[in-house]
Amino acid sequence: QVQLVESGGGLVQPGGSLRLSCAASGFTFSSSVMSWYRQAPGKERELVASISSTGGSIKYTDSVKGRFTISRDNAKNTMSLQMNNLKPEDTAVYYCNAMGPIIYWGSGTLVTVSS
């Protein structure tokens, strides 16, 4: 059974930090491109960051460059997103995504940036 379980969301003040984690099981994690997406209220889901199967290629959407860092540990089947200098516009549900022969999604974790 495939599972992608996100954790680490919560309420944080502007300028604060959070670290999201995604625990994967039931598929070949080390062969999959992994990504974080987010969906803000009333908006479409957007790609935040992606990392290749080996971690050698990383991409970020422009709005998070220099603030967010994506990483993965293929030995532990986990992916993380370190988010620093958070802004109110980062408020969204963040989803873990795995792209291999089949695309898998987690159920999401809510990040709220507010004073």
C-alpha atoms as a PDB file:
ATOM      1  CA  GLN A   1       0.000   0.000   0.000  1.00  0.00           C
ATOM      2  CA  VAL A   2       1.426   3.335  -1.081  1.00  0.00           C
ATOM      3  CA  GLN A   3       1.621   6.012   1.592  1.00  0.00           C
ATOM      4  CA  LEU A   4       2.909   9.558   1.589  1.00  0.00           C
ATOM      5  CA  VAL A   5       2.503  11.122   5.017  1.00  0.00           C
ATOM      6  CA  GLU A   6       3.279  14.781   5.545  1.00  0.00           C
ATOM      7  CA  SER A   7       4.042  16.317   8.928  1.00  0.00           C
ATOM      8  CA  GLY A   8       5.406  19.512  10.394  1.00  0.00           C
ATOM      9  CA  GLY A   9       2.760  22.025   9.454  1.00  0.00           C
ATOM     10  CA  GLY A  10       1.330  24.534  11.881  1.00  0.00           C
ATOM     11  CA  LEU A  11       0.904  28.163  12.778  1.00  0.00           C
ATOM     12  CA  VAL A  12       3.956  30.407  12.597  1.00  0.00           C
ATOM     13  CA  GLN A  13       4.513  34.149  12.688  1.00  0.00           C
ATOM     14  CA  PRO A  14       5.858  36.009   9.669  1.00  0.00           C
ATOM     15  CA  GLY A  15       9.626  35.627   9.520  1.00  0.00           C
ATOM     16  CA  GLY A  16       9.499  32.299  11.307  1.00  0.00           C
ATOM     17  CA  SER A  17      10.534  28.835  10.171  1.00  0.00           C
ATOM     18  CA  LEU A  18       8.976  25.411   9.757  1.00  0.00           C
ATOM     19  CA  ARG A  19      10.298  22.096   8.553  1.00  0.00           C
ATOM     20  CA  LEU A  20       7.946  19.814   6.664  1.00  0.00           C
ATOM     21  CA  SER A  21       8.613  16.111   6.320  1.00  0.00           C
ATOM     22  CA  CYS A  22       7.201  13.470   4.010  1.00  0.00           C
ATOM     23  CA  ALA A  23       7.483   9.794   4.901  1.00  0.00           C
ATOM     24  CA  ALA A  24       7.071   7.451   1.944  1.00  0.00           C
ATOM     25  CA  SER A  25       6.325   3.748   1.725  1.00  0.00           C
ATOM     26  CA  GLY A  26       4.943   1.174  -0.675  1.00  0.00           C
ATOM     27  CA  PHE A  27       6.838   2.213  -3.798  1.00  0.00           C
ATOM     28  CA  THR A  28      10.414   2.669  -5.000  1.00  0.00           C
ATOM     29  CA  PHE A  29      11.174   5.994  -3.385  1.00  0.00           C
ATOM     30  CA  SER A  30      14.779   6.129  -4.585  1.00  0.00           C
ATOM     31  CA  SER A  31      13.650   6.017  -8.227  1.00  0.00           C
ATOM     32  CA  SER A  32      11.049   8.746  -7.920  1.00  0.00           C
ATOM     33  CA  VAL A  33      11.225  12.470  -8.476  1.00  0.00           C
ATOM     34  CA  MET A  34       9.805  14.011  -5.316  1.00  0.00           C
ATOM     35  CA  SER A  35       8.110  17.366  -5.049  1.00  0.00           C
ATOM     36  CA  TRP A  36       6.293  19.683  -2.692  1.00  0.00           C
ATOM     37  CA  TYR A  37       3.169  21.398  -3.946  1.00  0.00           C
ATOM     38  CA  ARG A  38       0.923  23.851  -2.146  1.00  0.00           C
ATOM     39  CA  GLN A  39      -2.599  25.076  -2.503  1.00  0.00           C
ATOM     40  CA  ALA A  40      -3.737  28.322  -0.950  1.00  0.00           C
ATOM     41  CA  PRO A  41      -7.425  29.059  -0.308  1.00  0.00           C
ATOM     42  CA  GLY A  42      -9.164  29.887  -3.555  1.00  0.00           C
ATOM     43  CA  LYS A  43      -6.091  29.201  -5.663  1.00  0.00           C
ATOM     44  CA  GLU A  44      -4.833  26.380  -7.831  1.00  0.00           C
ATOM     45  CA  ARG A  45      -2.268  23.910  -6.580  1.00  0.00           C
ATOM     46  CA  GLU A  46       1.264  25.014  -7.488  1.00  0.00           C
ATOM     47  CA  LEU A  47       4.667  23.393  -7.557  1.00  0.00           C
ATOM     48  CA  VAL A  48       6.910  24.703  -4.780  1.00  0.00           C
ATOM     49  CA  ALA A  49      10.057  22.599  -5.167  1.00  0.00           C
ATOM     50  CA  SER A  50      11.199  19.357  -6.712  1.00  0.00           C
ATOM     51  CA  ILE A  51      14.212  17.102  -6.293  1.00  0.00           C
ATOM     52  CA  SER A  52      15.478  14.396  -8.616  1.00  0.00           C
ATOM     53  CA  SER A  53      15.796  10.770  -7.564  1.00  0.00           C
ATOM     54  CA  THR A  54      19.455  11.170  -6.624  1.00  0.00           C
ATOM     55  CA  GLY A  55      19.094  14.682  -5.242  1.00  0.00           C
ATOM     56  CA  GLY A  56      21.404  16.036  -7.892  1.00  0.00           C
ATOM     57  CA  SER A  57      18.831  18.288  -9.511  1.00  0.00           C
ATOM     58  CA  ILE A  58      16.656  20.699  -7.527  1.00  0.00           C
ATOM     59  CA  LYS A  59      14.176  23.303  -8.680  1.00  0.00           C
ATOM     60  CA  TYR A  60      12.209  25.978  -6.837  1.00  0.00           C
ATOM     61  CA  THR A  61       9.414  28.267  -7.783  1.00  0.00           C
ATOM     62  CA  ASP A  62      10.659  31.858  -7.875  1.00  0.00           C
ATOM     63  CA  SER A  63       8.684  33.020  -4.839  1.00  0.00           C
ATOM     64  CA  VAL A  64      10.489  30.636  -2.458  1.00  0.00           C
ATOM     65  CA  LYS A  65      14.037  30.774  -3.834  1.00  0.00           C
ATOM     66  CA  GLY A  66      16.525  31.637  -1.105  1.00  0.00           C
ATOM     67  CA  ARG A  67      13.998  30.856   1.637  1.00  0.00           C
ATOM     68  CA  PHE A  68      13.048  27.180   1.167  1.00  0.00           C
ATOM     69  CA  THR A  69      15.331  24.155   0.915  1.00  0.00           C
ATOM     70  CA  ILE A  70      14.201  20.750  -0.307  1.00  0.00           C
ATOM     71  CA  SER A  71      16.110  17.592   0.578  1.00  0.00           C
ATOM     72  CA  ARG A  72      15.686  13.842   0.592  1.00  0.00           C
ATOM     73  CA  ASP A  73      17.114  10.786   2.316  1.00  0.00           C
ATOM     74  CA  ASN A  74      16.791   7.714   0.116  1.00  0.00           C
ATOM     75  CA  ALA A  75      17.998   5.447   2.920  1.00  0.00           C
ATOM     76  CA  LYS A  76      15.072   6.534   5.088  1.00  0.00           C
ATOM     77  CA  ASN A  77      12.493   7.111   2.336  1.00  0.00           C
ATOM     78  CA  THR A  78      11.907  10.655   3.506  1.00  0.00           C
ATOM     79  CA  MET A  79      11.786  14.115   1.980  1.00  0.00           C
ATOM     80  CA  SER A  80      11.896  17.444   3.761  1.00  0.00           C
ATOM     81  CA  LEU A  81      11.202  21.093   3.097  1.00  0.00           C
ATOM     82  CA  GLN A  82      12.945  23.616   5.306  1.00  0.00           C
ATOM     83  CA  MET A  83      11.020  26.870   5.147  1.00  0.00           C
ATOM     84  CA  ASN A  84      12.630  30.032   6.495  1.00  0.00           C
ATOM     85  CA  ASN A  85      11.533  33.664   6.539  1.00  0.00           C
ATOM     86  CA  LEU A  86       7.949  32.611   6.064  1.00  0.00           C
ATOM     87  CA  LYS A  87       5.470  35.131   4.690  1.00  0.00           C
ATOM     88  CA  PRO A  88       1.677  35.317   4.956  1.00  0.00           C
ATOM     89  CA  GLU A  89       1.466  34.422   1.269  1.00  0.00           C
ATOM     90  CA  ASP A  90       3.099  31.065   2.067  1.00  0.00           C
ATOM     91  CA  THR A  91      -0.091  30.069   3.871  1.00  0.00           C
ATOM     92  CA  ALA A  92      -1.411  26.945   2.170  1.00  0.00           C
ATOM     93  CA  VAL A  93      -1.876  23.221   2.419  1.00  0.00           C
ATOM     94  CA  TYR A  94       1.426  21.626   1.437  1.00  0.00           C
ATOM     95  CA  TYR A  95       1.387  18.297  -0.387  1.00  0.00           C
ATOM     96  CA  CYS A  96       4.055  15.694  -0.916  1.00  0.00           C
ATOM     97  CA  ASN A  97       4.184  14.296  -4.456  1.00  0.00           C
ATOM     98  CA  ALA A  98       6.002  11.314  -5.907  1.00  0.00           C
ATOM     99  CA  MET A  99       6.419  10.958  -9.651  1.00  0.00           C
ATOM    100  CA  GLY A 100       7.503   7.630 -11.062  1.00  0.00           C
ATOM    101  CA  PRO A 101       5.587   5.323 -13.382  1.00  0.00           C
ATOM    102  CA  ILE A 102       2.602   6.344 -11.227  1.00  0.00           C
ATOM    103  CA  ILE A 103       2.016   9.684  -9.516  1.00  0.00           C
ATOM    104  CA  TYR A 104       1.220   9.610  -5.810  1.00  0.00           C
ATOM    105  CA  TRP A 105      -0.008  12.339  -3.470  1.00  0.00           C
ATOM    106  CA  GLY A 106      -0.086  12.780   0.265  1.00  0.00           C
ATOM    107  CA  SER A 107      -3.110  14.205   2.070  1.00  0.00           C
ATOM    108  CA  GLY A 108      -1.390  17.473   2.918  1.00  0.00           C
ATOM    109  CA  THR A 109      -0.338  19.477   5.943  1.00  0.00           C
ATOM    110  CA  LEU A 110      -1.561  22.997   6.679  1.00  0.00           C
ATOM    111  CA  VAL A 111       0.897  25.853   7.062  1.00  0.00           C
ATOM    112  CA  THR A 112      -0.503  29.114   8.376  1.00  0.00           C
ATOM    113  CA  VAL A 113       1.684  32.209   8.517  1.00  0.00           C
ATOM    114  CA  SER A 114       0.032  34.893  10.575  1.00  0.00           C
ATOM    115  CA  SER A 115       0.704  37.280  13.395  1.00  0.00           C
END
